Amino acid sequence: MDDLKLMVERCDEAIVQTPDQADLHRDRALVLTLLGDQARACNDVDVALSLLNRSSQPVDPMLLHELQVRQTTCKQSRTMAGSD
């Protein structure tokens, strides 16, 4: 558990330095999911997708697909919880 918290801190540091990299938000979302912080993880997924949608660079199709799957899972979780 401490290792996961340390990983979140490292992700936080990387995102502060380069906040426009969608893959960093994806990575932090994964770690937050493992920690059970679904709300923050879903927020990172939304941020990452937003960054990809605004990007003028070619988008990695696997990254986009992974984030879309995660976003669907987030929506299902919110619906099941009655908050969406």
Protein backbone atom coordinates (compact mmCIF):
# COMPACT_ATOMS: atom_id res chain seq x y z
CA MET A 1 0.00 0.00 0.00
CA ASP A 2 2.84 2.39 0.81
CA ASP A 3 4.43 1.63 -2.56
CA LEU A 4 1.20 2.58 -4.33
CA LYS A 5 1.00 5.84 -2.40
CA LEU A 6 4.60 6.57 -3.36
CA MET A 7 3.72 5.87 -6.99
CA VAL A 8 0.87 8.39 -6.79
CA GLU A 9 3.29 10.98 -5.41
CA ARG A 10 5.68 10.32 -8.28
CA CYS A 11 2.84 10.62 -10.78
CA ASP A 12 1.79 13.89 -9.12
CA GLU A 13 5.32 15.25 -9.51
CA ALA A 14 5.49 14.24 -13.17
CA ILE A 15 2.08 15.78 -13.89
CA VAL A 16 3.09 19.06 -12.26
CA GLN A 17 6.08 19.19 -14.59
CA THR A 18 4.22 18.11 -17.76
CA PRO A 19 0.46 18.40 -17.15
CA ASP A 20 -0.44 18.00 -20.81
CA GLN A 21 0.72 14.39 -21.14
CA ALA A 22 -2.33 12.14 -21.19
CA ASP A 23 -0.32 9.00 -20.45
CA LEU A 24 0.75 10.38 -17.07
CA HIS A 25 -2.89 10.92 -16.09
CA ARG A 26 -3.66 7.40 -17.30
CA ASP A 27 -0.85 5.99 -15.16
CA ARG A 28 -2.02 7.85 -12.06
CA ALA A 29 -5.60 6.70 -12.73
CA LEU A 30 -4.44 3.10 -12.69
CA VAL A 31 -2.62 3.49 -9.38
CA LEU A 32 -5.55 5.37 -7.83
CA THR A 33 -7.85 2.55 -8.94
CA LEU A 34 -5.60 0.04 -7.20
CA LEU A 35 -5.80 2.22 -4.08
CA GLY A 36 -9.60 2.22 -4.30
CA ASP A 37 -9.92 5.93 -5.10
CA GLN A 38 -12.27 5.50 -8.04
CA ALA A 39 -13.47 9.12 -8.09
CA ARG A 40 -9.98 10.57 -8.51
CA ALA A 41 -9.07 7.83 -10.98
CA CYS A 42 -12.10 8.65 -13.12
CA ASN A 43 -11.23 12.33 -12.98
CA ASP A 44 -7.76 11.53 -14.34
CA VAL A 45 -9.32 9.47 -17.13
CA ASP A 46 -11.51 12.42 -18.09
CA VAL A 47 -8.53 14.79 -18.03
CA ALA A 48 -6.46 12.42 -20.17
CA LEU A 49 -9.23 12.07 -22.76
CA SER A 50 -9.67 15.82 -22.83
CA LEU A 51 -5.96 16.27 -23.47
CA LEU A 52 -6.05 13.76 -26.32
CA ASN A 53 -9.08 15.46 -27.86
CA ARG A 54 -7.29 18.83 -27.85
CA SER A 55 -3.98 17.46 -29.09
CA SER A 56 -2.67 18.47 -32.47
CA GLN A 57 -0.25 15.53 -32.37
CA PRO A 58 -1.09 12.01 -33.59
CA VAL A 59 -2.88 10.06 -30.86
CA ASP A 60 -1.75 6.59 -29.81
CA PRO A 61 -4.79 4.45 -30.67
CA MET A 62 -4.09 2.01 -27.83
CA LEU A 63 -3.95 4.83 -25.27
CA LEU A 64 -7.19 6.26 -26.61
CA HIS A 65 -8.90 2.87 -26.52
CA GLU A 66 -7.71 2.15 -22.98
CA LEU A 67 -8.97 5.51 -21.74
CA GLN A 68 -12.33 5.05 -23.47
CA VAL A 69 -12.75 1.65 -21.81
CA ARG A 70 -11.85 3.14 -18.44
CA GLN A 71 -14.28 6.01 -19.01
CA THR A 72 -17.07 3.51 -19.73
CA THR A 73 -16.25 1.69 -16.50
CA CYS A 74 -16.37 4.99 -14.61
CA LYS A 75 -19.78 5.81 -16.08
CA GLN A 76 -21.09 2.35 -15.17
CA SER A 77 -19.81 2.73 -11.60
CA ARG A 78 -21.47 6.14 -11.22
CA THR A 79 -24.73 4.81 -12.68
CA MET A 80 -24.72 1.86 -10.30
CA ALA A 81 -24.07 4.22 -7.41
CA GLY A 82 -26.95 6.40 -8.56
CA SER A 83 -24.79 9.47 -9.11
CA ASP A 84 -24.91 9.65 -12.90
